Amino acid sequence: MLWPGTCSNFGAMTAEAWVRLVEEMIDLKLQHFTEATTKLSPDLARFLVDKRETDRRRLDQIRTELVRTLQGGR
């Protein structure tokens, strides 16, 4: 029997892979916080603009994958 809120297709992604995605998401969020609260040189600030866009896309991908697994792979 499944717990409420869990999906029957959860095995499509291993628990280890799911945790890795959560860890990656936390890491990206911490990097963003650090960058936002640190004084940066103009050159580094320009570089981080591109990095933030890449990170934002990756966070969206991670969210989508986690939601998909929790909804049963729909």
PDB file of N, CA and C in Angstrom:
ATOM      1  N   MET A   1       0.838  -1.187   0.000  1.00  0.00           N
ATOM      2  CA  MET A   1       0.000   0.000   0.000  1.00  0.00           C
ATOM      3  C   MET A   1       0.884   1.251   0.000  1.00  0.00           C
ATOM      4  N   LEU A   2       0.472   2.241  -0.752  1.00  0.00           N
ATOM      5  CA  LEU A   2       1.224   3.484  -0.853  1.00  0.00           C
ATOM      6  C   LEU A   2       0.781   4.474   0.209  1.00  0.00           C
ATOM      7  N   TRP A   3       1.739   5.312   0.629  1.00  0.00           N
ATOM      8  CA  TRP A   3       1.403   6.405   1.529  1.00  0.00           C
ATOM      9  C   TRP A   3       0.678   7.470   0.730  1.00  0.00           C
ATOM     10  N   PRO A   4      -0.214   8.218   1.347  1.00  0.00           N
ATOM     11  CA  PRO A   4      -0.863   9.315   0.627  1.00  0.00           C
ATOM     12  C   PRO A   4       0.185  10.289   0.090  1.00  0.00           C
ATOM     13  N   GLY A   5       0.010  10.695  -1.140  1.00  0.00           N
ATOM     14  CA  GLY A   5       0.933  11.637  -1.751  1.00  0.00           C
ATOM     15  C   GLY A   5       2.114  10.990  -2.455  1.00  0.00           C
ATOM     16  N   THR A   6       2.236   9.653  -2.367  1.00  0.00           N
ATOM     17  CA  THR A   6       3.310   8.986  -3.090  1.00  0.00           C
ATOM     18  C   THR A   6       2.745   8.381  -4.353  1.00  0.00           C
ATOM     19  N   CYS A   7       3.614   8.049  -5.268  1.00  0.00           N
ATOM     20  CA  CYS A   7       3.141   7.531  -6.547  1.00  0.00           C
ATOM     21  C   CYS A   7       3.598   6.099  -6.746  1.00  0.00           C
ATOM     22  N   SER A   8       2.848   5.367  -7.532  1.00  0.00           N
ATOM     23  CA  SER A   8       3.166   3.964  -7.773  1.00  0.00           C
ATOM     24  C   SER A   8       4.360   3.799  -8.696  1.00  0.00           C
ATOM     25  N   ASN A   9       4.722   4.838  -9.433  1.00  0.00           N
ATOM     26  CA  ASN A   9       5.827   4.754 -10.390  1.00  0.00           C
ATOM     27  C   ASN A   9       7.110   5.350  -9.811  1.00  0.00           C
ATOM     28  N   PHE A  10       7.184   5.459  -8.469  1.00  0.00           N
ATOM     29  CA  PHE A  10       8.345   6.085  -7.848  1.00  0.00           C
ATOM     30  C   PHE A  10       9.623   5.327  -8.171  1.00  0.00           C
ATOM     31  N   GLY A  11       9.517   4.024  -8.422  1.00  0.00           N
ATOM     32  CA  GLY A  11      10.683   3.212  -8.749  1.00  0.00           C
ATOM     33  C   GLY A  11      11.313   3.587 -10.068  1.00  0.00           C
ATOM     34  N   ALA A  12      10.635   4.392 -10.868  1.00  0.00           N
ATOM     35  CA  ALA A  12      11.205   4.816 -12.143  1.00  0.00           C
ATOM     36  C   ALA A  12      12.476   5.617 -11.909  1.00  0.00           C
ATOM     37  N   MET A  13      12.605   6.224 -10.742  1.00  0.00           N
ATOM     38  CA  MET A  13      13.820   6.941 -10.376  1.00  0.00           C
ATOM     39  C   MET A  13      14.241   6.382  -9.023  1.00  0.00           C
ATOM     40  N   THR A  14      15.488   5.984  -8.918  1.00  0.00           N
ATOM     41  CA  THR A  14      15.946   5.430  -7.651  1.00  0.00           C
ATOM     42  C   THR A  14      15.957   6.506  -6.579  1.00  0.00           C
ATOM     43  N   ALA A  15      15.870   6.078  -5.352  1.00  0.00           N
ATOM     44  CA  ALA A  15      15.917   7.020  -4.239  1.00  0.00           C
ATOM     45  C   ALA A  15      17.241   7.773  -4.250  1.00  0.00           C
ATOM     46  N   GLU A  16      18.310   7.092  -4.608  1.00  0.00           N
ATOM     47  CA  GLU A  16      19.628   7.734  -4.665  1.00  0.00           C
ATOM     48  C   GLU A  16      19.656   8.846  -5.710  1.00  0.00           C
ATOM     49  N   ALA A  17      19.091   8.594  -6.874  1.00  0.00           N
ATOM     50  CA  ALA A  17      19.047   9.608  -7.926  1.00  0.00           C
ATOM     51  C   ALA A  17      18.180  10.784  -7.505  1.00  0.00           C
ATOM     52  N   TRP A  18      17.084  10.505  -6.830  1.00  0.00           N
ATOM     53  CA  TRP A  18      16.188  11.560  -6.362  1.00  0.00           C
ATOM     54  C   TRP A  18      16.904  12.446  -5.367  1.00  0.00           C
ATOM     55  N   VAL A  19      17.623  11.825  -4.424  1.00  0.00           N
ATOM     56  CA  VAL A  19      18.371  12.585  -3.417  1.00  0.00           C
ATOM     57  C   VAL A  19      19.461  13.409  -4.082  1.00  0.00           C
ATOM     58  N   ARG A  20      20.146  12.849  -5.083  1.00  0.00           N
ATOM     59  CA  ARG A  20      21.184  13.611  -5.793  1.00  0.00           C
ATOM     60  C   ARG A  20      20.603  14.868  -6.430  1.00  0.00           C
ATOM     61  N   LEU A  21      19.412  14.753  -6.999  1.00  0.00           N
ATOM     62  CA  LEU A  21      18.780  15.934  -7.599  1.00  0.00           C
ATOM     63  C   LEU A  21      18.458  16.982  -6.537  1.00  0.00           C
ATOM     64  N   VAL A  22      17.966  16.546  -5.391  1.00  0.00           N
ATOM     65  CA  VAL A  22      17.673  17.485  -4.303  1.00  0.00           C
ATOM     66  C   VAL A  22      18.968  18.146  -3.827  1.00  0.00           C
ATOM     67  N   GLU A  23      20.034  17.367  -3.685  1.00  0.00           N
ATOM     68  CA  GLU A  23      21.319  17.928  -3.270  1.00  0.00           C
ATOM     69  C   GLU A  23      21.832  18.940  -4.288  1.00  0.00           C
ATOM     70  N   GLU A  24      21.691  18.618  -5.566  1.00  0.00           N
ATOM     71  CA  GLU A  24      22.128  19.549  -6.610  1.00  0.00           C
ATOM     72  C   GLU A  24      21.324  20.844  -6.544  1.00  0.00           C
ATOM     73  N   MET A  25      20.032  20.715  -6.294  1.00  0.00           N
ATOM     74  CA  MET A  25      19.185  21.897  -6.199  1.00  0.00           C
ATOM     75  C   MET A  25      19.621  22.759  -5.004  1.00  0.00           C
ATOM     76  N   ILE A  26      19.889  22.142  -3.881  1.00  0.00           N
ATOM     77  CA  ILE A  26      20.333  22.879  -2.696  1.00  0.00           C
ATOM     78  C   ILE A  26      21.666  23.563  -2.981  1.00  0.00           C
ATOM     79  N   ASP A  27      22.581  22.848  -3.627  1.00  0.00           N
ATOM     80  CA  ASP A  27      23.883  23.426  -3.954  1.00  0.00           C
ATOM     81  C   ASP A  27      23.741  24.659  -4.842  1.00  0.00           C
ATOM     82  N   LEU A  28      22.903  24.568  -5.858  1.00  0.00           N
ATOM     83  CA  LEU A  28      22.692  25.718  -6.739  1.00  0.00           C
ATOM     84  C   LEU A  28      22.076  26.890  -5.986  1.00  0.00           C
ATOM     85  N   LYS A  29      21.139  26.608  -5.101  1.00  0.00           N
ATOM     86  CA  LYS A  29      20.513  27.671  -4.316  1.00  0.00           C
ATOM     87  C   LYS A  29      21.538  28.333  -3.391  1.00  0.00           C
ATOM     88  N   LEU A  30      22.406  27.544  -2.758  1.00  0.00           N
ATOM     89  CA  LEU A  30      23.444  28.103  -1.879  1.00  0.00           C
ATOM     90  C   LEU A  30      24.443  28.940  -2.663  1.00  0.00           C
ATOM     91  N   GLN A  31      24.816  28.473  -3.853  1.00  0.00           N
ATOM     92  CA  GLN A  31      25.724  29.249  -4.700  1.00  0.00           C
ATOM     93  C   GLN A  31      25.096  30.591  -5.044  1.00  0.00           C
ATOM     94  N   HIS A  32      23.828  30.557  -5.419  1.00  0.00           N
ATOM     95  CA  HIS A  32      23.137  31.795  -5.786  1.00  0.00           C
ATOM     96  C   HIS A  32      23.094  32.756  -4.593  1.00  0.00           C
ATOM     97  N   PHE A  33      22.787  32.234  -3.408  1.00  0.00           N
ATOM     98  CA  PHE A  33      22.751  33.080  -2.208  1.00  0.00           C
ATOM     99  C   PHE A  33      24.121  33.702  -1.946  1.00  0.00           C
ATOM    100  N   THR A  34      25.179  32.900  -2.044  1.00  0.00           N
ATOM    101  CA  THR A  34      26.536  33.391  -1.800  1.00  0.00           C
ATOM    102  C   THR A  34      26.904  34.481  -2.800  1.00  0.00           C
ATOM    103  N   GLU A  35      26.581  34.249  -4.066  1.00  0.00           N
ATOM    104  CA  GLU A  35      26.883  35.238  -5.096  1.00  0.00           C
ATOM    105  C   GLU A  35      26.105  36.529  -4.865  1.00  0.00           C
ATOM    106  N   ALA A  36      24.881  36.401  -4.391  1.00  0.00           N
ATOM    107  CA  ALA A  36      24.037  37.576  -4.190  1.00  0.00           C
ATOM    108  C   ALA A  36      24.472  38.397  -2.980  1.00  0.00           C
ATOM    109  N   THR A  37      25.148  37.778  -2.035  1.00  0.00           N
ATOM    110  CA  THR A  37      25.521  38.484  -0.804  1.00  0.00           C
ATOM    111  C   THR A  37      27.005  38.821  -0.727  1.00  0.00           C
ATOM    112  N   THR A  38      27.741  38.600  -1.818  1.00  0.00           N
ATOM    113  CA  THR A  38      29.179  38.856  -1.840  1.00  0.00           C
ATOM    114  C   THR A  38      29.483  39.998  -2.792  1.00  0.00           C
ATOM    115  N   LYS A  39      30.418  40.873  -2.409  1.00  0.00           N
ATOM    116  CA  LYS A  39      30.870  41.921  -3.327  1.00  0.00           C
ATOM    117  C   LYS A  39      31.735  41.276  -4.396  1.00  0.00           C
ATOM    118  N   LEU A  40      31.418  41.560  -5.647  1.00  0.00           N
ATOM    119  CA  LEU A  40      32.124  40.945  -6.762  1.00  0.00           C
ATOM    120  C   LEU A  40      32.764  42.006  -7.649  1.00  0.00           C
ATOM    121  N   SER A  41      33.862  41.618  -8.281  1.00  0.00           N
ATOM    122  CA  SER A  41      34.475  42.507  -9.262  1.00  0.00           C
ATOM    123  C   SER A  41      33.555  42.588 -10.479  1.00  0.00           C
ATOM    124  N   PRO A  42      33.643  43.649 -11.260  1.00  0.00           N
ATOM    125  CA  PRO A  42      32.796  43.773 -12.457  1.00  0.00           C
ATOM    126  C   PRO A  42      32.964  42.598 -13.428  1.00  0.00           C
ATOM    127  N   ASP A  43      34.200  42.125 -13.596  1.00  0.00           N
ATOM    128  CA  ASP A  43      34.424  40.989 -14.506  1.00  0.00           C
ATOM    129  C   ASP A  43      33.735  39.729 -14.007  1.00  0.00           C
ATOM    130  N   LEU A  44      33.862  39.453 -12.734  1.00  0.00           N
ATOM    131  CA  LEU A  44      33.240  38.268 -12.162  1.00  0.00           C
ATOM    132  C   LEU A  44      31.720  38.394 -12.191  1.00  0.00           C
ATOM    133  N   ALA A  45      31.218  39.586 -11.955  1.00  0.00           N
ATOM    134  CA  ALA A  45      29.775  39.815 -11.995  1.00  0.00           C
ATOM    135  C   ALA A  45      29.212  39.516 -13.381  1.00  0.00           C
ATOM    136  N   ARG A  46      29.910  39.940 -14.437  1.00  0.00           N
ATOM    137  CA  ARG A  46      29.460  39.657 -15.807  1.00  0.00           C
ATOM    138  C   ARG A  46      29.462  38.158 -16.081  1.00  0.00           C
ATOM    139  N   PHE A  47      30.507  37.472 -15.621  1.00  0.00           N
ATOM    140  CA  PHE A  47      30.593  36.026 -15.804  1.00  0.00           C
ATOM    141  C   PHE A  47      29.425  35.319 -15.102  1.00  0.00           C
ATOM    142  N   LEU A  48      29.092  35.780 -13.911  1.00  0.00           N
ATOM    143  CA  LEU A  48      28.049  35.122 -13.131  1.00  0.00           C
ATOM    144  C   LEU A  48      26.654  35.326 -13.712  1.00  0.00           C
ATOM    145  N   VAL A  49      26.467  36.366 -14.504  1.00  0.00           N
ATOM    146  CA  VAL A  49      25.169  36.564 -15.157  1.00  0.00           C
ATOM    147  C   VAL A  49      24.849  35.356 -16.034  1.00  0.00           C
ATOM    148  N   ASP A  50      25.810  34.919 -16.829  1.00  0.00           N
ATOM    149  CA  ASP A  50      25.605  33.743 -17.679  1.00  0.00           C
ATOM    150  C   ASP A  50      25.426  32.481 -16.841  1.00  0.00           C
ATOM    151  N   LYS A  51      26.218  32.354 -15.797  1.00  0.00           N
ATOM    152  CA  LYS A  51      26.137  31.180 -14.929  1.00  0.00           C
ATOM    153  C   LYS A  51      24.761  31.103 -14.268  1.00  0.00           C
ATOM    154  N   ARG A  52      24.247  32.236 -13.823  1.00  0.00           N
ATOM    155  CA  ARG A  52      22.934  32.246 -13.170  1.00  0.00           C
ATOM    156  C   ARG A  52      21.841  31.788 -14.120  1.00  0.00           C
ATOM    157  N   GLU A  53      21.932  32.186 -15.373  1.00  0.00           N
ATOM    158  CA  GLU A  53      20.938  31.752 -16.360  1.00  0.00           C
ATOM    159  C   GLU A  53      21.008  30.235 -16.559  1.00  0.00           C
ATOM    160  N   THR A  54      22.212  29.706 -16.657  1.00  0.00           N
ATOM    161  CA  THR A  54      22.389  28.262 -16.783  1.00  0.00           C
ATOM    162  C   THR A  54      21.853  27.555 -15.539  1.00  0.00           C
ATOM    163  N   ASP A  55      22.181  28.086 -14.366  1.00  0.00           N
ATOM    164  CA  ASP A  55      21.705  27.499 -13.114  1.00  0.00           C
ATOM    165  C   ASP A  55      20.181  27.542 -13.027  1.00  0.00           C
ATOM    166  N   ARG A  56      19.591  28.636 -13.471  1.00  0.00           N
ATOM    167  CA  ARG A  56      18.128  28.770 -13.444  1.00  0.00           C
ATOM    168  C   ARG A  56      17.473  27.701 -14.315  1.00  0.00           C
ATOM    169  N   ARG A  57      18.041  27.472 -15.501  1.00  0.00           N
ATOM    170  CA  ARG A  57      17.498  26.429 -16.374  1.00  0.00           C
ATOM    171  C   ARG A  57      17.646  25.050 -15.730  1.00  0.00           C
ATOM    172  N   ARG A  58      18.798  24.793 -15.091  1.00  0.00           N
ATOM    173  CA  ARG A  58      19.012  23.501 -14.436  1.00  0.00           C
ATOM    174  C   ARG A  58      18.041  23.317 -13.275  1.00  0.00           C
ATOM    175  N   LEU A  59      17.808  24.358 -12.492  1.00  0.00           N
ATOM    176  CA  LEU A  59      16.832  24.266 -11.403  1.00  0.00           C
ATOM    177  C   LEU A  59      15.441  23.932 -11.938  1.00  0.00           C
ATOM    178  N   ASP A  60      15.065  24.539 -13.040  1.00  0.00           N
ATOM    179  CA  ASP A  60      13.777  24.231 -13.664  1.00  0.00           C
ATOM    180  C   ASP A  60      13.715  22.766 -14.093  1.00  0.00           C
ATOM    181  N   GLN A  61      14.810  22.257 -14.670  1.00  0.00           N
ATOM    182  CA  GLN A  61      14.857  20.848 -15.076  1.00  0.00           C
ATOM    183  C   GLN A  61      14.725  19.926 -13.871  1.00  0.00           C
ATOM    184  N   ILE A  62      15.423  20.256 -12.795  1.00  0.00           N
ATOM    185  CA  ILE A  62      15.363  19.430 -11.585  1.00  0.00           C
ATOM    186  C   ILE A  62      13.946  19.438 -11.019  1.00  0.00           C
ATOM    187  N   ARG A  63      13.347  20.617 -10.912  1.00  0.00           N
ATOM    188  CA  ARG A  63      11.972  20.706 -10.397  1.00  0.00           C
ATOM    189  C   ARG A  63      11.026  19.852 -11.229  1.00  0.00           C
ATOM    190  N   THR A  64      11.145  19.953 -12.527  1.00  0.00           N
ATOM    191  CA  THR A  64      10.281  19.193 -13.424  1.00  0.00           C
ATOM    192  C   THR A  64      10.440  17.695 -13.201  1.00  0.00           C
ATOM    193  N   GLU A  65      11.675  17.233 -13.092  1.00  0.00           N
ATOM    194  CA  GLU A  65      11.936  15.812 -12.889  1.00  0.00           C
ATOM    195  C   GLU A  65      11.409  15.333 -11.537  1.00  0.00           C
ATOM    196  N   LEU A  66      11.612  16.110 -10.484  1.00  0.00           N
ATOM    197  CA  LEU A  66      11.115  15.715  -9.167  1.00  0.00           C
ATOM    198  C   LEU A  66       9.588  15.684  -9.136  1.00  0.00           C
ATOM    199  N   VAL A  67       8.962  16.675  -9.713  1.00  0.00           N
ATOM    200  CA  VAL A  67       7.498  16.697  -9.771  1.00  0.00           C
ATOM    201  C   VAL A  67       6.983  15.506 -10.562  1.00  0.00           C
ATOM    202  N   ARG A  68       7.614  15.211 -11.681  1.00  0.00           N
ATOM    203  CA  ARG A  68       7.203  14.082 -12.519  1.00  0.00           C
ATOM    204  C   ARG A  68       7.249  12.774 -11.723  1.00  0.00           C
ATOM    205  N   THR A  69       8.305  12.566 -10.954  1.00  0.00           N
ATOM    206  CA  THR A  69       8.407  11.316 -10.190  1.00  0.00           C
ATOM    207  C   THR A  69       7.358  11.269  -9.073  1.00  0.00           C
ATOM    208  N   LEU A  70       7.081  12.400  -8.458  1.00  0.00           N
ATOM    209  CA  LEU A  70       6.085  12.416  -7.384  1.00  0.00           C
ATOM    210  C   LEU A  70       4.662  12.260  -7.912  1.00  0.00           C
ATOM    211  N   GLN A  71       4.441  12.642  -9.169  1.00  0.00           N
ATOM    212  CA  GLN A  71       3.110  12.514  -9.767  1.00  0.00           C
ATOM    213  C   GLN A  71       2.944  11.184 -10.489  1.00  0.00           C
ATOM    214  N   GLY A  72       3.925  10.343 -10.428  1.00  0.00           N
ATOM    215  CA  GLY A  72       3.783   9.027 -11.047  1.00  0.00           C
ATOM    216  C   GLY A  72       4.222   8.968 -12.488  1.00  0.00           C
ATOM    217  N   GLY A  73       5.098   9.846 -12.913  1.00  0.00           N
ATOM    218  CA  GLY A  73       5.647   9.800 -14.265  1.00  0.00           C
ATOM    219  C   GLY A  73       4.715  10.300 -15.337  1.00  0.00           C
ATOM    220  N   ARG A  74       3.707  11.054 -14.968  1.00  0.00           N
ATOM    221  CA  ARG A  74       2.754  11.576 -15.967  1.00  0.00           C
ATOM    222  C   ARG A  74       3.397  12.564 -16.889  1.00  0.00           C
TER     223      ARG A  74
END
